[in-house]
Amino acid sequence: MSDLLVLDGIAAGYGEAQVLSGISFSLGEGEALALLGRNGTGKTTLINTIVGLTRRRAGTITLAGRDITKLRPDQRALAGIGWVPQERNIFRSLTVEENITAVQTYGPWSVERIFGMFPRLQERRRNLGTQLSGGEQQMLAVGRALALNPRVLLLDEPLEGLAPIIVDELLAALSKIIREEGMSAIIVEQSARKILPLTQRAIILDRGTIAHAGPSPELAADALRLAALLGVAGKPGTEAAGARN
């Protein structure tokens, strides 16, 4: 598996505050990575650093062999970074279809293909962003990121605050996007046990550094270790969750 995204010695933060230190890892073509950790450990900051929204102090980021370290966020998006932020950031005054076509670039992820992945969006293609439920807005945020035809998809807390039935629908869609379509992805999620089955590898952050890196199946199978790494008190079998940063 060839490396698609490579972070080497990244140190970054906001203003004078440094949040991340010495972050190095790679993401292969067609690989999905779970990014886990307790509240305040730097998960969202790491996603924002890949997107280009933080102050980088050291290190480099390369995408498909291209150094994107100094590129603006919009240039990184065009280079192949697809981003689904916690806030979703959909265009609320545009229709579902307009949200997608406004950012669409040439590639395999057409409007109709996105609608095929998210039938709810097709049913509401002429509804404004303000007329969508929270779950539908999240689906639209993912669909809009796919419309950029990215090389790697970054998802920051995609399941947060959603009803169980919507969580199941979104997880099913993400499974198809990642496992069947081969999309490379990094997923930040509070519920480790929901997201580990979708990924091949997992990274756990602690105080802005990598505390653990390894195969997702091994971590999912060891409830005690998972709970210890995430600082979650409970009996084996209880769900370990990394809180939002």
Foldseek 3Di string as FASTA:
>chain_A
DDFFKWWAQWWWAADPDIQAGGDTDTFHQLFEEEEFAAPSQCPVVVVCQLLPNIGIDDTFMDGRNHTCNPPHNVVSLLVFEQEQDPVLPFQQAAFLQCSQVVQADDDDLDPVNLCVLPVVCVVRRRPGNVPDDPLVSLSSSVSNSCRSVGQEYEEEASPPPDDPVSLVSVLVSLLCVRVVVSRYYYYYHFFLLSCLVSGQKYFYGGRNYTPDIDGSVVLNVDQVVVCVSRVHDDDRPDTGTHDHD
